[in-house]
Amino acid sequence: MVPLAGRQILEVGCGSGRVLAGLLELGARPENLHGVDLLPERIAVARQHHPDIDFQLANAEELGFADAQFDLVLLFTVFSSILDDAMAHNIAREVIRVLKPGGAVVWYDLRYDNPRNPNVRGMPATAVRALFPGFDLHIHTVTLLPPLARRLGRATPVLYPALALIPALRTHYLGLLVKRL
């Protein structure tokens, strides 16, 4: 999909807009970038910092975009924050609706529950497949267990790559979910 010059891109749960704005470095055009978030203060910050990008306050269960409008949809730590199964399925349905055939979802989310945070839940590969049937999933485990990574200190350059080789210590999935034609 790179360069992104002619691609229509949506980020669901865009927060401050930093990730979406970062796509400008990959050739995306500001008029083709759209972000939605549920929190008005996040949308206000995004609009202030990135006025050329379209940011909308919206519940992703009802996206105000046309069918098959987007080539790419970004979902970064969205579904792990949704504890209601019906809501998760509604949001996935909307993402599928606005994504063009052959388009893709870029997925980054937790794969394990966080025992210290009851407001999130892990999204195993089976859950991702259930939300996006009819998609080809290309997902990989990434991100060394953050509490461990934070404790590495000056040894980080040596220990992080070595520890990241252990699959059980990788806490997130990074993936490309491609909508079949």
C-alpha atoms as a PDB file:
ATOM      1  CA  MET A   1       0.000   0.000   0.000  1.00  0.00           C
ATOM      2  CA  VAL A   2       3.006   2.302   0.209  1.00  0.00           C
ATOM      3  CA  PRO A   3       3.271   5.011  -0.977  1.00  0.00           C
ATOM      4  CA  LEU A   4       0.003   6.184   0.528  1.00  0.00           C
ATOM      5  CA  ALA A   5      -0.566   9.169  -1.784  1.00  0.00           C
ATOM      6  CA  GLY A   6      -3.887   8.065  -3.239  1.00  0.00           C
ATOM      7  CA  ARG A   7      -5.111   5.993  -0.311  1.00  0.00           C
ATOM      8  CA  GLN A   8      -8.144   6.866   1.791  1.00  0.00           C
ATOM      9  CA  ILE A   9      -7.267   6.091   5.419  1.00  0.00           C
ATOM     10  CA  LEU A  10      -9.341   5.952   8.597  1.00  0.00           C
ATOM     11  CA  GLU A  11      -8.084   5.579  12.137  1.00  0.00           C
ATOM     12  CA  VAL A  12     -10.659   4.384  14.651  1.00  0.00           C
ATOM     13  CA  GLY A  13      -9.735   5.510  18.158  1.00  0.00           C
ATOM     14  CA  CYS A  14      -7.370   8.153  16.813  1.00  0.00           C
ATOM     15  CA  GLY A  15      -6.676   9.905  20.120  1.00  0.00           C
ATOM     16  CA  SER A  16      -4.424  12.919  19.587  1.00  0.00           C
ATOM     17  CA  GLY A  17      -3.990  12.134  15.869  1.00  0.00           C
ATOM     18  CA  ARG A  18      -0.248  11.534  16.146  1.00  0.00           C
ATOM     19  CA  VAL A  19      -0.301   8.109  14.449  1.00  0.00           C
ATOM     20  CA  LEU A  20      -2.507   9.308  11.608  1.00  0.00           C
ATOM     21  CA  ALA A  21      -0.379  12.423  11.069  1.00  0.00           C
ATOM     22  CA  GLY A  22       2.698  10.186  10.972  1.00  0.00           C
ATOM     23  CA  LEU A  23       1.363   8.672   7.757  1.00  0.00           C
ATOM     24  CA  LEU A  24       2.152  11.951   5.997  1.00  0.00           C
ATOM     25  CA  GLU A  25       5.790  10.790   6.021  1.00  0.00           C
ATOM     26  CA  LEU A  26       4.709   7.749   3.986  1.00  0.00           C
ATOM     27  CA  GLY A  27       3.127   9.911   1.313  1.00  0.00           C
ATOM     28  CA  ALA A  28      -0.439  10.161   2.620  1.00  0.00           C
ATOM     29  CA  ARG A  29      -2.282  13.360   1.785  1.00  0.00           C
ATOM     30  CA  PRO A  30      -3.971  15.204   4.665  1.00  0.00           C
ATOM     31  CA  GLU A  31      -7.281  15.391   2.791  1.00  0.00           C
ATOM     32  CA  ASN A  32      -7.325  11.562   2.621  1.00  0.00           C
ATOM     33  CA  LEU A  33      -6.799  11.070   6.356  1.00  0.00           C
ATOM     34  CA  HIS A  34      -9.741  10.684   8.715  1.00  0.00           C
ATOM     35  CA  GLY A  35      -9.801   9.948  12.418  1.00  0.00           C
ATOM     36  CA  VAL A  36     -12.618   9.216  14.828  1.00  0.00           C
ATOM     37  CA  ASP A  37     -12.581   9.050  18.593  1.00  0.00           C
ATOM     38  CA  LEU A  38     -15.209   8.796  21.304  1.00  0.00           C
ATOM     39  CA  LEU A  39     -13.611  11.380  23.600  1.00  0.00           C
ATOM     40  CA  PRO A  40     -14.141  15.070  22.758  1.00  0.00           C
ATOM     41  CA  GLU A  41     -10.938  16.208  24.474  1.00  0.00           C
ATOM     42  CA  ARG A  42      -8.870  13.896  22.277  1.00  0.00           C
ATOM     43  CA  ILE A  43     -10.544  15.185  19.115  1.00  0.00           C
ATOM     44  CA  ALA A  44      -9.922  18.782  20.258  1.00  0.00           C
ATOM     45  CA  VAL A  45      -6.200  18.059  20.699  1.00  0.00           C
ATOM     46  CA  ALA A  46      -6.019  16.264  17.334  1.00  0.00           C
ATOM     47  CA  ARG A  47      -7.690  19.169  15.520  1.00  0.00           C
ATOM     48  CA  GLN A  48      -5.422  21.691  17.231  1.00  0.00           C
ATOM     49  CA  HIS A  49      -2.209  19.848  16.337  1.00  0.00           C
ATOM     50  CA  HIS A  50      -3.237  18.635  12.871  1.00  0.00           C
ATOM     51  CA  PRO A  51      -5.761  21.096  11.393  1.00  0.00           C
ATOM     52  CA  ASP A  52      -5.412  19.746   7.834  1.00  0.00           C
ATOM     53  CA  ILE A  53      -6.682  16.279   8.825  1.00  0.00           C
ATOM     54  CA  ASP A  54     -10.366  15.397   9.271  1.00  0.00           C
ATOM     55  CA  PHE A  55     -11.058  14.437  12.891  1.00  0.00           C
ATOM     56  CA  GLN A  56     -14.571  13.592  14.023  1.00  0.00           C
ATOM     57  CA  LEU A  57     -16.150  12.887  17.367  1.00  0.00           C
ATOM     58  CA  ALA A  58     -17.909   9.586  16.741  1.00  0.00           C
ATOM     59  CA  ASN A  59     -18.963   6.277  18.175  1.00  0.00           C
ATOM     60  CA  ALA A  60     -17.393   3.682  15.896  1.00  0.00           C
ATOM     61  CA  GLU A  61     -20.554   1.579  16.111  1.00  0.00           C
ATOM     62  CA  GLU A  62     -22.027   4.016  13.572  1.00  0.00           C
ATOM     63  CA  LEU A  63     -19.353   5.481  11.322  1.00  0.00           C
ATOM     64  CA  GLY A  64     -20.523   8.390   9.200  1.00  0.00           C
ATOM     65  CA  PHE A  65     -18.691   7.285   6.084  1.00  0.00           C
ATOM     66  CA  ALA A  66     -19.768   5.667   2.827  1.00  0.00           C
ATOM     67  CA  ASP A  67     -19.608   1.944   2.164  1.00  0.00           C
ATOM     68  CA  ALA A  68     -16.199   0.858   0.807  1.00  0.00           C
ATOM     69  CA  GLN A  69     -14.711   4.349   1.247  1.00  0.00           C
ATOM     70  CA  PHE A  70     -11.351   3.392   2.763  1.00  0.00           C
ATOM     71  CA  ASP A  71      -8.298   1.536   1.524  1.00  0.00           C
ATOM     72  CA  LEU A  72      -6.836   1.265   5.001  1.00  0.00           C
ATOM     73  CA  VAL A  73      -8.266   1.321   8.530  1.00  0.00           C
ATOM     74  CA  LEU A  74      -6.007   1.605  11.569  1.00  0.00           C
ATOM     75  CA  LEU A  75      -7.085  -0.127  14.786  1.00  0.00           C
ATOM     76  CA  PHE A  76      -4.490   0.391  17.522  1.00  0.00           C
ATOM     77  CA  THR A  77      -5.474  -0.885  20.985  1.00  0.00           C
ATOM     78  CA  VAL A  78      -9.150  -0.393  20.196  1.00  0.00           C
ATOM     79  CA  PHE A  79     -10.716  -3.800  20.726  1.00  0.00           C
ATOM     80  CA  SER A  80      -8.847  -4.618  23.940  1.00  0.00           C
ATOM     81  CA  SER A  81     -10.612  -1.580  25.443  1.00  0.00           C
ATOM     82  CA  ILE A  82     -14.082  -2.826  24.486  1.00  0.00           C
ATOM     83  CA  LEU A  83     -15.417  -5.192  27.123  1.00  0.00           C
ATOM     84  CA  ASP A  84     -18.876  -5.625  25.577  1.00  0.00           C
ATOM     85  CA  ASP A  85     -18.965  -8.329  22.885  1.00  0.00           C
ATOM     86  CA  ALA A  86     -21.968  -6.824  21.077  1.00  0.00           C
ATOM     87  CA  MET A  87     -20.220  -3.446  20.842  1.00  0.00           C
ATOM     88  CA  ALA A  88     -17.032  -5.077  19.543  1.00  0.00           C
ATOM     89  CA  HIS A  89     -19.004  -6.872  16.826  1.00  0.00           C
ATOM     90  CA  ASN A  90     -20.842  -3.657  15.900  1.00  0.00           C
ATOM     91  CA  ILE A  91     -17.567  -1.781  15.492  1.00  0.00           C
ATOM     92  CA  ALA A  92     -16.020  -4.599  13.466  1.00  0.00           C
ATOM     93  CA  ARG A  93     -19.131  -4.642  11.243  1.00  0.00           C
ATOM     94  CA  GLU A  94     -18.747  -0.894  10.618  1.00  0.00           C
ATOM     95  CA  VAL A  95     -15.045  -1.216   9.844  1.00  0.00           C
ATOM     96  CA  ILE A  96     -15.819  -4.004   7.382  1.00  0.00           C
ATOM     97  CA  ARG A  97     -18.563  -1.877   5.798  1.00  0.00           C
ATOM     98  CA  VAL A  98     -16.371   1.185   5.196  1.00  0.00           C
ATOM     99  CA  LEU A  99     -13.353  -0.826   4.005  1.00  0.00           C
ATOM    100  CA  LYS A 100     -12.976  -1.459   0.276  1.00  0.00           C
ATOM    101  CA  PRO A 101     -12.647  -5.033  -0.999  1.00  0.00           C
ATOM    102  CA  GLY A 102      -8.912  -5.707  -1.098  1.00  0.00           C
ATOM    103  CA  GLY A 103      -8.400  -3.044   1.558  1.00  0.00           C
ATOM    104  CA  ALA A 104      -6.681  -3.753   4.841  1.00  0.00           C
ATOM    105  CA  VAL A 105      -6.908  -3.208   8.556  1.00  0.00           C
ATOM    106  CA  VAL A 106      -3.660  -2.481  10.380  1.00  0.00           C
ATOM    107  CA  TRP A 107      -4.122  -4.119  13.780  1.00  0.00           C
ATOM    108  CA  TYR A 108      -2.094  -3.547  16.949  1.00  0.00           C
ATOM    109  CA  ASP A 109      -3.574  -4.764  20.198  1.00  0.00           C
ATOM    110  CA  LEU A 110      -3.045  -6.775  23.363  1.00  0.00           C
ATOM    111  CA  ARG A 111      -3.011 -10.524  23.068  1.00  0.00           C
ATOM    112  CA  TYR A 112      -3.204 -11.204  26.820  1.00  0.00           C
ATOM    113  CA  ASP A 113      -5.417  -9.908  29.607  1.00  0.00           C
ATOM    114  CA  ASN A 114      -3.691  -7.396  31.871  1.00  0.00           C
ATOM    115  CA  PRO A 115      -4.169  -8.659  35.435  1.00  0.00           C
ATOM    116  CA  ARG A 116      -3.568  -5.133  36.784  1.00  0.00           C
ATOM    117  CA  ASN A 117      -6.101  -3.457  34.522  1.00  0.00           C
ATOM    118  CA  PRO A 118      -9.657  -4.836  34.526  1.00  0.00           C
ATOM    119  CA  ASN A 119     -10.655  -2.241  31.900  1.00  0.00           C
ATOM    120  CA  VAL A 120      -8.891  -4.087  29.098  1.00  0.00           C
ATOM    121  CA  ARG A 121      -8.918  -7.619  27.785  1.00  0.00           C
ATOM    122  CA  GLY A 122      -6.593  -9.570  25.573  1.00  0.00           C
ATOM    123  CA  MET A 123      -7.527 -10.223  21.968  1.00  0.00           C
ATOM    124  CA  PRO A 124      -6.215 -13.653  20.993  1.00  0.00           C
ATOM    125  CA  ALA A 125      -5.943 -14.518  17.307  1.00  0.00           C
ATOM    126  CA  THR A 126      -9.193 -16.508  17.516  1.00  0.00           C
ATOM    127  CA  ALA A 127     -11.036 -13.357  18.653  1.00  0.00           C
ATOM    128  CA  VAL A 128      -9.548 -11.329  15.794  1.00  0.00           C
ATOM    129  CA  ARG A 129     -10.650 -14.001  13.303  1.00  0.00           C
ATOM    130  CA  ALA A 130     -14.155 -14.041  14.790  1.00  0.00           C
ATOM    131  CA  LEU A 131     -14.458 -10.251  14.422  1.00  0.00           C
ATOM    132  CA  PHE A 132     -13.156 -10.209  10.844  1.00  0.00           C
ATOM    133  CA  PRO A 133     -14.405 -13.307   9.005  1.00  0.00           C
ATOM    134  CA  GLY A 134     -13.611 -13.314   5.315  1.00  0.00           C
ATOM    135  CA  PHE A 135     -10.280 -11.590   5.893  1.00  0.00           C
ATOM    136  CA  ASP A 136      -6.794 -12.962   5.365  1.00  0.00           C
ATOM    137  CA  LEU A 137      -4.958 -12.418   8.634  1.00  0.00           C
ATOM    138  CA  HIS A 138      -1.231 -11.833   8.718  1.00  0.00           C
ATOM    139  CA  ILE A 139      -0.501 -11.294  12.404  1.00  0.00           C
ATOM    140  CA  HIS A 140       2.696 -11.512  14.400  1.00  0.00           C
ATOM    141  CA  THR A 141       3.511 -11.204  18.065  1.00  0.00           C
ATOM    142  CA  VAL A 142       5.450  -8.073  19.007  1.00  0.00           C
ATOM    143  CA  THR A 143       6.256  -5.837  22.004  1.00  0.00           C
ATOM    144  CA  LEU A 144       8.227  -7.246  24.887  1.00  0.00           C
ATOM    145  CA  LEU A 145       6.207  -7.433  28.115  1.00  0.00           C
ATOM    146  CA  PRO A 146       6.216  -3.731  29.139  1.00  0.00           C
ATOM    147  CA  PRO A 147       6.802  -4.218  32.897  1.00  0.00           C
ATOM    148  CA  LEU A 148       9.843  -6.329  32.038  1.00  0.00           C
ATOM    149  CA  ALA A 149      11.084  -3.966  29.319  1.00  0.00           C
ATOM    150  CA  ARG A 150      10.896  -0.980  31.700  1.00  0.00           C
ATOM    151  CA  ARG A 151      13.219  -2.721  34.137  1.00  0.00           C
ATOM    152  CA  LEU A 152      16.045  -3.414  31.681  1.00  0.00           C
ATOM    153  CA  GLY A 153      17.709  -0.031  32.195  1.00  0.00           C
ATOM    154  CA  ARG A 154      21.099   0.340  30.551  1.00  0.00           C
ATOM    155  CA  ALA A 155      20.996  -3.296  29.431  1.00  0.00           C
ATOM    156  CA  THR A 156      18.043  -2.560  27.126  1.00  0.00           C
ATOM    157  CA  PRO A 157      20.044  -2.557  23.848  1.00  0.00           C
ATOM    158  CA  VAL A 158      21.317  -6.069  24.565  1.00  0.00           C
ATOM    159  CA  LEU A 159      18.530  -7.702  26.558  1.00  0.00           C
ATOM    160  CA  TYR A 160      15.439  -6.371  24.771  1.00  0.00           C
ATOM    161  CA  PRO A 161      16.207  -8.075  21.415  1.00  0.00           C
ATOM    162  CA  ALA A 162      17.150 -11.331  23.150  1.00  0.00           C
ATOM    163  CA  LEU A 163      14.061 -11.417  25.373  1.00  0.00           C
ATOM    164  CA  ALA A 164      11.812 -10.404  22.470  1.00  0.00           C
ATOM    165  CA  LEU A 165      12.755 -13.675  20.765  1.00  0.00           C
ATOM    166  CA  ILE A 166      10.687 -15.540  23.359  1.00  0.00           C
ATOM    167  CA  PRO A 167       7.115 -15.678  21.972  1.00  0.00           C
ATOM    168  CA  ALA A 168       5.415 -15.900  25.374  1.00  0.00           C
ATOM    169  CA  LEU A 169       6.998 -12.576  26.373  1.00  0.00           C
ATOM    170  CA  ARG A 170       5.531 -10.713  23.385  1.00  0.00           C
ATOM    171  CA  THR A 171       2.288  -9.119  24.558  1.00  0.00           C
ATOM    172  CA  HIS A 172       0.715  -7.644  21.415  1.00  0.00           C
ATOM    173  CA  TYR A 173      -0.291  -8.609  17.912  1.00  0.00           C
ATOM    174  CA  LEU A 174       0.693  -6.486  14.957  1.00  0.00           C
ATOM    175  CA  GLY A 175      -1.065  -7.492  11.839  1.00  0.00           C
ATOM    176  CA  LEU A 176      -2.482  -6.786   8.458  1.00  0.00           C
ATOM    177  CA  LEU A 177      -6.034  -8.043   7.977  1.00  0.00           C
ATOM    178  CA  VAL A 178      -6.848  -8.019   4.269  1.00  0.00           C
ATOM    179  CA  LYS A 179     -10.466  -7.955   3.128  1.00  0.00           C
ATOM    180  CA  ARG A 180     -10.968 -10.538   0.431  1.00  0.00           C
ATOM    181  CA  LEU A 181     -12.294  -9.367  -2.942  1.00  0.00           C
END
